[in-house]
N, C-alpha and C. Protein backbone atom coordinates (compact mmCIF):
# COMPACT_ATOMS: atom_id res chain seq x y z
N MET A 1 16.09 10.37 12.86
CA MET A 1 15.06 10.14 11.85
C MET A 1 13.70 10.36 12.49
N LYS A 2 12.90 11.21 11.86
CA LYS A 2 11.58 11.52 12.42
C LYS A 2 10.63 10.34 12.26
N GLU A 3 9.68 10.28 13.17
CA GLU A 3 8.67 9.24 13.12
C GLU A 3 7.62 9.59 12.09
N ILE A 4 7.19 8.60 11.34
CA ILE A 4 6.10 8.83 10.39
C ILE A 4 4.78 8.49 11.06
N ASP A 5 3.70 8.93 10.44
CA ASP A 5 2.37 8.66 10.95
C ASP A 5 1.52 8.18 9.79
N ILE A 6 0.66 7.21 10.06
CA ILE A 6 -0.29 6.72 9.07
C ILE A 6 -1.68 7.13 9.54
N GLN A 7 -2.45 7.71 8.64
CA GLN A 7 -3.82 8.13 8.97
C GLN A 7 -4.74 7.84 7.80
N GLY A 8 -6.02 7.66 8.12
CA GLY A 8 -7.02 7.64 7.07
C GLY A 8 -7.04 9.01 6.39
N MET A 9 -7.15 9.03 5.08
CA MET A 9 -7.17 10.30 4.37
C MET A 9 -8.46 11.06 4.67
N THR A 10 -8.33 12.36 4.89
CA THR A 10 -9.49 13.23 5.11
C THR A 10 -9.50 14.29 4.00
N PRO A 11 -10.60 15.03 3.86
CA PRO A 11 -10.62 16.11 2.87
C PRO A 11 -9.49 17.11 3.05
N ALA A 12 -9.04 17.31 4.28
CA ALA A 12 -7.94 18.25 4.52
C ALA A 12 -6.63 17.81 3.86
N HIS A 13 -6.47 16.49 3.65
CA HIS A 13 -5.26 15.98 3.01
C HIS A 13 -5.29 16.13 1.49
N LEU A 14 -6.48 16.33 0.92
CA LEU A 14 -6.63 16.27 -0.54
C LEU A 14 -5.71 17.19 -1.33
N PRO A 15 -5.50 18.46 -0.92
CA PRO A 15 -4.59 19.30 -1.71
C PRO A 15 -3.19 18.70 -1.85
N GLN A 16 -2.66 18.14 -0.77
CA GLN A 16 -1.34 17.51 -0.84
C GLN A 16 -1.39 16.18 -1.59
N VAL A 17 -2.42 15.38 -1.34
CA VAL A 17 -2.54 14.08 -2.02
C VAL A 17 -2.63 14.27 -3.53
N ALA A 18 -3.34 15.28 -3.97
CA ALA A 18 -3.50 15.53 -5.41
C ALA A 18 -2.17 15.81 -6.09
N GLU A 19 -1.18 16.26 -5.32
CA GLU A 19 0.14 16.57 -5.87
C GLU A 19 1.10 15.38 -5.86
N LEU A 20 0.73 14.28 -5.21
CA LEU A 20 1.61 13.12 -5.13
C LEU A 20 1.77 12.46 -6.49
N SER A 21 2.96 11.93 -6.74
CA SER A 21 3.19 11.18 -7.97
C SER A 21 4.42 10.30 -7.79
N VAL A 22 4.57 9.37 -8.71
CA VAL A 22 5.74 8.52 -8.74
C VAL A 22 6.52 8.82 -10.01
N ALA A 23 7.74 8.33 -10.08
CA ALA A 23 8.54 8.50 -11.29
C ALA A 23 7.84 7.80 -12.46
N THR A 24 8.09 8.28 -13.64
CA THR A 24 7.42 7.77 -14.84
C THR A 24 7.51 6.25 -14.94
N GLU A 25 8.68 5.68 -14.64
CA GLU A 25 8.85 4.23 -14.76
C GLU A 25 8.10 3.46 -13.68
N GLN A 26 7.60 4.13 -12.65
CA GLN A 26 6.85 3.46 -11.58
C GLN A 26 5.34 3.51 -11.79
N VAL A 27 4.88 4.35 -12.71
CA VAL A 27 3.43 4.50 -12.93
C VAL A 27 2.78 3.17 -13.28
N LYS A 28 3.48 2.32 -14.03
CA LYS A 28 2.90 1.02 -14.42
C LYS A 28 2.62 0.13 -13.21
N PHE A 29 3.34 0.36 -12.10
CA PHE A 29 3.13 -0.45 -10.90
C PHE A 29 2.03 0.11 -10.01
N VAL A 30 1.85 1.42 -10.01
CA VAL A 30 0.97 2.08 -9.05
C VAL A 30 -0.24 2.75 -9.70
N GLY A 31 -0.01 3.41 -10.84
CA GLY A 31 -1.05 4.23 -11.46
C GLY A 31 -0.85 5.69 -11.07
N THR A 32 -1.76 6.52 -11.51
CA THR A 32 -1.70 7.95 -11.18
C THR A 32 -2.66 8.24 -10.03
N MET A 33 -2.48 9.37 -9.38
CA MET A 33 -3.39 9.74 -8.29
C MET A 33 -4.82 9.85 -8.81
N GLU A 34 -4.99 10.39 -10.00
CA GLU A 34 -6.35 10.51 -10.56
C GLU A 34 -7.01 9.14 -10.65
N GLU A 35 -6.25 8.15 -11.16
CA GLU A 35 -6.80 6.79 -11.29
C GLU A 35 -7.12 6.19 -9.93
N LEU A 36 -6.27 6.44 -8.95
CA LEU A 36 -6.48 5.87 -7.61
C LEU A 36 -7.67 6.50 -6.91
N LEU A 37 -7.78 7.81 -6.99
CA LEU A 37 -8.83 8.51 -6.25
C LEU A 37 -10.23 8.19 -6.76
N VAL A 38 -10.38 7.90 -8.04
CA VAL A 38 -11.73 7.61 -8.56
C VAL A 38 -12.24 6.25 -8.10
N ASN A 39 -11.35 5.38 -7.60
CA ASN A 39 -11.76 4.05 -7.16
C ASN A 39 -12.15 3.98 -5.69
N ILE A 40 -11.98 5.07 -4.97
CA ILE A 40 -12.28 5.07 -3.54
C ILE A 40 -13.79 4.92 -3.30
N ASP A 41 -14.15 4.02 -2.39
CA ASP A 41 -15.56 3.86 -2.00
C ASP A 41 -15.60 3.35 -0.57
N ASP A 42 -16.73 2.84 -0.13
CA ASP A 42 -16.85 2.41 1.26
C ASP A 42 -16.10 1.11 1.56
N LYS A 43 -15.54 0.46 0.54
CA LYS A 43 -14.78 -0.77 0.73
C LYS A 43 -13.30 -0.60 0.41
N LEU A 44 -12.95 0.49 -0.23
CA LEU A 44 -11.57 0.79 -0.62
C LEU A 44 -11.19 2.13 0.01
N HIS A 45 -10.42 2.05 1.09
CA HIS A 45 -10.17 3.21 1.96
C HIS A 45 -8.81 3.84 1.70
N PRO A 46 -8.77 5.14 1.45
CA PRO A 46 -7.49 5.83 1.22
C PRO A 46 -6.80 6.19 2.53
N HIS A 47 -5.47 6.10 2.52
CA HIS A 47 -4.66 6.43 3.68
C HIS A 47 -3.46 7.25 3.25
N VAL A 48 -2.98 8.07 4.17
CA VAL A 48 -1.80 8.88 3.90
C VAL A 48 -0.68 8.51 4.85
N ILE A 49 0.54 8.70 4.38
CA ILE A 49 1.74 8.53 5.17
C ILE A 49 2.28 9.94 5.38
N LEU A 50 2.42 10.32 6.65
CA LEU A 50 2.79 11.69 6.99
C LEU A 50 4.15 11.77 7.68
N ASP A 51 4.88 12.83 7.36
CA ASP A 51 6.05 13.24 8.11
C ASP A 51 5.69 14.61 8.66
N GLY A 52 5.32 14.64 9.93
CA GLY A 52 4.76 15.87 10.48
C GLY A 52 3.43 16.15 9.81
N ASN A 53 3.29 17.33 9.21
CA ASN A 53 2.07 17.68 8.49
C ASN A 53 2.19 17.49 6.99
N THR A 54 3.31 16.92 6.55
CA THR A 54 3.55 16.74 5.11
C THR A 54 3.17 15.34 4.68
N VAL A 55 2.31 15.24 3.68
CA VAL A 55 1.94 13.94 3.11
C VAL A 55 3.09 13.49 2.21
N VAL A 56 3.71 12.37 2.55
CA VAL A 56 4.84 11.86 1.77
C VAL A 56 4.47 10.59 1.00
N GLY A 57 3.34 9.98 1.33
CA GLY A 57 2.95 8.74 0.66
C GLY A 57 1.47 8.46 0.79
N PHE A 58 1.06 7.39 0.14
CA PHE A 58 -0.36 7.08 0.01
C PHE A 58 -0.50 5.57 -0.17
N PHE A 59 -1.65 5.04 0.27
CA PHE A 59 -2.01 3.65 -0.04
C PHE A 59 -3.50 3.47 0.17
N LEU A 60 -3.99 2.37 -0.36
CA LEU A 60 -5.39 2.00 -0.21
C LEU A 60 -5.48 0.70 0.59
N ILE A 61 -6.48 0.61 1.44
CA ILE A 61 -6.81 -0.65 2.11
C ILE A 61 -8.13 -1.13 1.54
N ASP A 62 -8.08 -2.33 0.97
CA ASP A 62 -9.24 -2.95 0.34
C ASP A 62 -9.85 -3.95 1.32
N THR A 63 -11.02 -3.62 1.85
CA THR A 63 -11.67 -4.49 2.83
C THR A 63 -12.36 -5.69 2.19
N GLN A 64 -12.42 -5.72 0.87
CA GLN A 64 -13.04 -6.84 0.15
C GLN A 64 -12.02 -7.67 -0.63
N TYR A 65 -10.75 -7.44 -0.37
CA TYR A 65 -9.66 -8.09 -1.11
C TYR A 65 -9.82 -9.61 -1.13
N GLY A 66 -10.10 -10.18 0.04
CA GLY A 66 -10.24 -11.62 0.15
C GLY A 66 -11.41 -12.19 -0.64
N HIS A 67 -12.36 -11.34 -0.99
CA HIS A 67 -13.49 -11.78 -1.81
C HIS A 67 -13.22 -11.53 -3.29
N ARG A 68 -12.27 -10.65 -3.58
CA ARG A 68 -11.94 -10.31 -4.98
C ARG A 68 -10.91 -11.26 -5.58
N TYR A 69 -10.03 -11.83 -4.72
CA TYR A 69 -8.91 -12.64 -5.22
C TYR A 69 -8.92 -14.02 -4.57
N ASP A 70 -8.88 -15.06 -5.40
CA ASP A 70 -8.92 -16.43 -4.92
C ASP A 70 -7.75 -16.80 -4.03
N PHE A 71 -6.59 -16.16 -4.24
CA PHE A 71 -5.41 -16.52 -3.46
C PHE A 71 -5.45 -16.01 -2.03
N ALA A 72 -6.34 -15.08 -1.73
CA ALA A 72 -6.39 -14.47 -0.40
C ALA A 72 -7.46 -15.14 0.47
N HIS A 73 -7.18 -15.18 1.75
CA HIS A 73 -8.16 -15.65 2.74
C HIS A 73 -9.40 -14.77 2.61
N PRO A 74 -10.63 -15.33 2.67
CA PRO A 74 -11.84 -14.53 2.44
C PRO A 74 -11.99 -13.31 3.35
N GLU A 75 -11.46 -13.36 4.55
CA GLU A 75 -11.62 -12.24 5.49
C GLU A 75 -10.36 -11.38 5.58
N ALA A 76 -9.53 -11.40 4.53
CA ALA A 76 -8.28 -10.66 4.57
C ALA A 76 -8.42 -9.26 3.97
N LEU A 77 -7.60 -8.36 4.47
CA LEU A 77 -7.45 -7.03 3.87
C LEU A 77 -6.48 -7.12 2.70
N GLY A 78 -6.52 -6.10 1.85
CA GLY A 78 -5.54 -5.99 0.78
C GLY A 78 -4.87 -4.64 0.81
N LEU A 79 -3.58 -4.63 0.63
CA LEU A 79 -2.82 -3.38 0.50
C LEU A 79 -2.64 -3.10 -0.98
N ARG A 80 -3.11 -1.94 -1.40
CA ARG A 80 -3.07 -1.59 -2.82
C ARG A 80 -2.44 -0.21 -2.99
N ALA A 81 -1.76 -0.05 -4.12
CA ALA A 81 -1.26 1.26 -4.55
C ALA A 81 -0.39 1.95 -3.49
N PHE A 82 0.41 1.19 -2.78
CA PHE A 82 1.30 1.77 -1.76
C PHE A 82 2.46 2.45 -2.46
N PHE A 83 2.66 3.73 -2.15
CA PHE A 83 3.82 4.41 -2.73
C PHE A 83 4.23 5.62 -1.92
N ILE A 84 5.47 5.99 -2.11
CA ILE A 84 6.02 7.23 -1.55
C ILE A 84 6.20 8.18 -2.73
N ASP A 85 5.81 9.43 -2.54
CA ASP A 85 5.95 10.45 -3.58
C ASP A 85 7.40 10.49 -4.07
N HIS A 86 7.58 10.69 -5.37
CA HIS A 86 8.92 10.62 -5.94
C HIS A 86 9.88 11.65 -5.33
N HIS A 87 9.37 12.77 -4.83
CA HIS A 87 10.23 13.77 -4.18
C HIS A 87 10.75 13.30 -2.82
N HIS A 88 10.10 12.29 -2.26
CA HIS A 88 10.45 11.83 -0.91
C HIS A 88 11.05 10.42 -0.90
N GLN A 89 11.25 9.83 -2.08
CA GLN A 89 11.81 8.48 -2.13
C GLN A 89 13.29 8.50 -1.73
N GLY A 90 13.75 7.37 -1.23
CA GLY A 90 15.14 7.24 -0.85
C GLY A 90 15.46 7.78 0.54
N LYS A 91 14.43 8.12 1.31
CA LYS A 91 14.63 8.69 2.64
C LYS A 91 14.18 7.73 3.76
N GLY A 92 13.82 6.50 3.40
CA GLY A 92 13.42 5.52 4.39
C GLY A 92 11.95 5.55 4.76
N TYR A 93 11.15 6.38 4.09
CA TYR A 93 9.73 6.48 4.44
C TYR A 93 8.99 5.17 4.18
N ALA A 94 9.26 4.51 3.06
CA ALA A 94 8.53 3.27 2.74
C ALA A 94 8.80 2.21 3.79
N LYS A 95 10.06 2.04 4.14
CA LYS A 95 10.41 1.03 5.14
C LYS A 95 9.73 1.33 6.47
N ARG A 96 9.79 2.59 6.92
CA ARG A 96 9.17 2.94 8.20
C ARG A 96 7.65 2.79 8.14
N ALA A 97 7.05 3.12 7.01
CA ALA A 97 5.59 2.98 6.89
C ALA A 97 5.18 1.52 6.91
N VAL A 98 5.91 0.66 6.21
CA VAL A 98 5.57 -0.76 6.21
C VAL A 98 5.75 -1.34 7.61
N LEU A 99 6.80 -0.92 8.31
CA LEU A 99 7.01 -1.39 9.69
C LEU A 99 5.88 -0.93 10.62
N ALA A 100 5.32 0.24 10.37
CA ALA A 100 4.24 0.79 11.21
C ALA A 100 2.87 0.26 10.81
N LEU A 101 2.79 -0.39 9.66
CA LEU A 101 1.50 -0.79 9.11
C LEU A 101 0.74 -1.78 10.00
N LYS A 102 1.43 -2.78 10.53
CA LYS A 102 0.76 -3.81 11.32
C LYS A 102 0.03 -3.21 12.52
N ALA A 103 0.73 -2.37 13.29
CA ALA A 103 0.10 -1.76 14.46
C ALA A 103 -1.07 -0.87 14.05
N PHE A 104 -0.90 -0.13 12.95
CA PHE A 104 -1.99 0.72 12.48
C PHE A 104 -3.21 -0.12 12.10
N LEU A 105 -3.01 -1.20 11.35
CA LEU A 105 -4.13 -2.03 10.90
C LEU A 105 -4.81 -2.75 12.06
N LEU A 106 -4.04 -3.20 13.05
CA LEU A 106 -4.65 -3.84 14.22
C LEU A 106 -5.60 -2.89 14.93
N SER A 107 -5.24 -1.62 14.95
CA SER A 107 -6.08 -0.61 15.60
C SER A 107 -7.25 -0.19 14.71
N ALA A 108 -6.99 0.05 13.44
CA ALA A 108 -8.01 0.60 12.53
C ALA A 108 -8.95 -0.46 11.97
N TYR A 109 -8.49 -1.71 11.88
CA TYR A 109 -9.29 -2.79 11.28
C TYR A 109 -9.26 -4.02 12.18
N PRO A 110 -9.83 -3.92 13.40
CA PRO A 110 -9.70 -5.01 14.37
C PRO A 110 -10.38 -6.31 13.95
N GLY A 111 -11.28 -6.29 13.00
CA GLY A 111 -11.97 -7.50 12.58
C GLY A 111 -11.20 -8.34 11.58
N PHE A 112 -10.01 -7.90 11.19
CA PHE A 112 -9.23 -8.61 10.18
C PHE A 112 -7.96 -9.16 10.81
N ASP A 113 -7.53 -10.35 10.35
CA ASP A 113 -6.35 -10.95 10.95
C ASP A 113 -5.18 -11.14 10.00
N GLN A 114 -5.34 -10.73 8.75
CA GLN A 114 -4.23 -10.79 7.81
C GLN A 114 -4.43 -9.80 6.67
N ILE A 115 -3.31 -9.50 5.99
CA ILE A 115 -3.35 -8.59 4.86
C ILE A 115 -2.47 -9.16 3.75
N TYR A 116 -2.94 -8.99 2.53
CA TYR A 116 -2.22 -9.46 1.34
C TYR A 116 -1.86 -8.26 0.47
N LEU A 117 -0.87 -8.49 -0.37
CA LEU A 117 -0.53 -7.55 -1.42
C LEU A 117 0.09 -8.33 -2.56
N THR A 118 0.16 -7.70 -3.72
CA THR A 118 0.94 -8.25 -4.81
C THR A 118 1.97 -7.20 -5.19
N VAL A 119 3.15 -7.66 -5.53
CA VAL A 119 4.23 -6.76 -5.93
C VAL A 119 4.85 -7.31 -7.21
N ASN A 120 5.02 -6.44 -8.18
CA ASN A 120 5.49 -6.85 -9.48
C ASN A 120 6.86 -7.52 -9.40
N CYS A 121 7.03 -8.58 -10.17
CA CYS A 121 8.31 -9.29 -10.21
C CYS A 121 9.44 -8.39 -10.70
N LYS A 122 9.11 -7.33 -11.41
CA LYS A 122 10.12 -6.39 -11.91
C LYS A 122 10.43 -5.30 -10.89
N ASN A 123 9.94 -5.44 -9.66
CA ASN A 123 10.13 -4.43 -8.63
C ASN A 123 10.74 -5.06 -7.37
N PRO A 124 11.99 -5.57 -7.47
CA PRO A 124 12.59 -6.26 -6.33
C PRO A 124 12.81 -5.36 -5.11
N ALA A 125 13.02 -4.08 -5.31
CA ALA A 125 13.22 -3.17 -4.16
C ALA A 125 11.96 -3.10 -3.31
N ALA A 126 10.79 -3.03 -3.96
CA ALA A 126 9.54 -3.00 -3.21
C ALA A 126 9.31 -4.32 -2.49
N ARG A 127 9.59 -5.42 -3.16
CA ARG A 127 9.43 -6.74 -2.53
C ARG A 127 10.29 -6.83 -1.27
N HIS A 128 11.54 -6.39 -1.37
CA HIS A 128 12.45 -6.41 -0.23
C HIS A 128 11.92 -5.53 0.91
N CYS A 129 11.40 -4.36 0.58
CA CYS A 129 10.84 -3.45 1.58
C CYS A 129 9.68 -4.11 2.32
N TYR A 130 8.79 -4.76 1.59
CA TYR A 130 7.66 -5.44 2.22
C TYR A 130 8.14 -6.58 3.13
N GLN A 131 9.17 -7.31 2.68
CA GLN A 131 9.71 -8.40 3.50
C GLN A 131 10.30 -7.85 4.79
N GLN A 132 11.01 -6.74 4.71
CA GLN A 132 11.59 -6.12 5.90
C GLN A 132 10.50 -5.68 6.87
N GLY A 133 9.32 -5.36 6.35
CA GLY A 133 8.23 -4.89 7.18
C GLY A 133 7.34 -6.00 7.72
N GLY A 134 7.67 -7.26 7.43
CA GLY A 134 6.93 -8.37 8.01
C GLY A 134 6.07 -9.16 7.04
N PHE A 135 6.02 -8.77 5.77
CA PHE A 135 5.27 -9.55 4.79
C PHE A 135 6.09 -10.77 4.38
N ILE A 136 5.40 -11.86 4.13
CA ILE A 136 6.05 -13.11 3.73
C ILE A 136 5.60 -13.45 2.32
N ASP A 137 6.58 -13.80 1.48
CA ASP A 137 6.28 -14.21 0.11
C ASP A 137 5.63 -15.59 0.16
N THR A 138 4.47 -15.74 -0.47
CA THR A 138 3.78 -17.03 -0.47
C THR A 138 4.37 -17.99 -1.50
N HIS A 139 5.29 -17.51 -2.32
CA HIS A 139 5.91 -18.27 -3.41
C HIS A 139 4.90 -18.65 -4.48
N GLU A 140 3.84 -17.87 -4.56
CA GLU A 140 2.87 -17.99 -5.64
C GLU A 140 2.91 -16.70 -6.44
N LEU A 141 2.51 -16.78 -7.70
CA LEU A 141 2.46 -15.59 -8.54
C LEU A 141 1.03 -15.28 -8.93
N TYR A 142 0.72 -13.99 -8.96
CA TYR A 142 -0.54 -13.52 -9.50
C TYR A 142 -0.25 -13.08 -10.92
N LEU A 143 -1.00 -13.63 -11.87
CA LEU A 143 -0.72 -13.38 -13.28
C LEU A 143 -1.72 -12.43 -13.92
N GLY A 144 -2.61 -11.84 -13.14
CA GLY A 144 -3.65 -10.98 -13.69
C GLY A 144 -3.31 -9.50 -13.73
N GLY A 145 -2.09 -9.13 -13.38
CA GLY A 145 -1.73 -7.72 -13.35
C GLY A 145 -1.40 -7.17 -14.73
N ALA A 146 -1.68 -5.89 -14.91
CA ALA A 146 -1.46 -5.24 -16.20
C ALA A 146 0.02 -5.13 -16.56
N ALA A 147 0.91 -5.11 -15.55
CA ALA A 147 2.34 -4.92 -15.81
C ALA A 147 3.14 -6.21 -15.67
N GLY A 148 2.46 -7.36 -15.73
CA GLY A 148 3.16 -8.64 -15.66
C GLY A 148 2.99 -9.36 -14.35
N PRO A 149 3.68 -10.51 -14.20
CA PRO A 149 3.54 -11.35 -13.01
C PRO A 149 3.90 -10.61 -11.72
N GLN A 150 3.20 -11.00 -10.65
CA GLN A 150 3.41 -10.36 -9.36
C GLN A 150 3.56 -11.41 -8.27
N HIS A 151 4.49 -11.15 -7.34
CA HIS A 151 4.62 -11.99 -6.16
C HIS A 151 3.42 -11.73 -5.25
N ILE A 152 2.88 -12.78 -4.67
CA ILE A 152 1.80 -12.66 -3.68
C ILE A 152 2.45 -12.72 -2.31
N MET A 153 2.17 -11.69 -1.49
CA MET A 153 2.75 -11.61 -0.15
C MET A 153 1.63 -11.42 0.86
N ARG A 154 1.88 -11.89 2.09
CA ARG A 154 0.87 -11.70 3.13
C ARG A 154 1.54 -11.51 4.48
N MET A 155 0.79 -10.88 5.36
CA MET A 155 1.25 -10.67 6.73
C MET A 155 0.10 -10.97 7.67
N VAL A 156 0.38 -11.74 8.70
CA VAL A 156 -0.61 -12.00 9.75
C VAL A 156 -0.61 -10.80 10.68
N LEU A 157 -1.82 -10.34 11.01
CA LEU A 157 -1.94 -9.17 11.90
C LEU A 157 -2.08 -9.60 13.35
């Protein structure tokens, strides 16, 4: 199994990133690339998951997550819109990316000591993947999501 790489998205990645998508039934959990890309700013950083030179996934790191959500520690990062392109799902990329996330964040965001995410209660496979990668379920629910209740998870960096 090849090693994946996580990098901050650059303009060179954009042609491949623009082609990423999830299955129709997953859009409610993640959104579309168009919706995700318009939200990028100096506090919401786009990242790519690579297999060699091929972009297989995408996620956002929210540096203001702890200030946006009461359930998160004020100085915490947030993992948002994490997904693997539907053409590449089922190949272990999500699990490997989540396992690699801690080391990447320690290097890229040294001023932060934890990261939070929410995962829809209707998405047990994603919840399991995050748990395998070191996230712990806080046993609290976030009820403000558009697609229903979400488990709140966090990982100490």
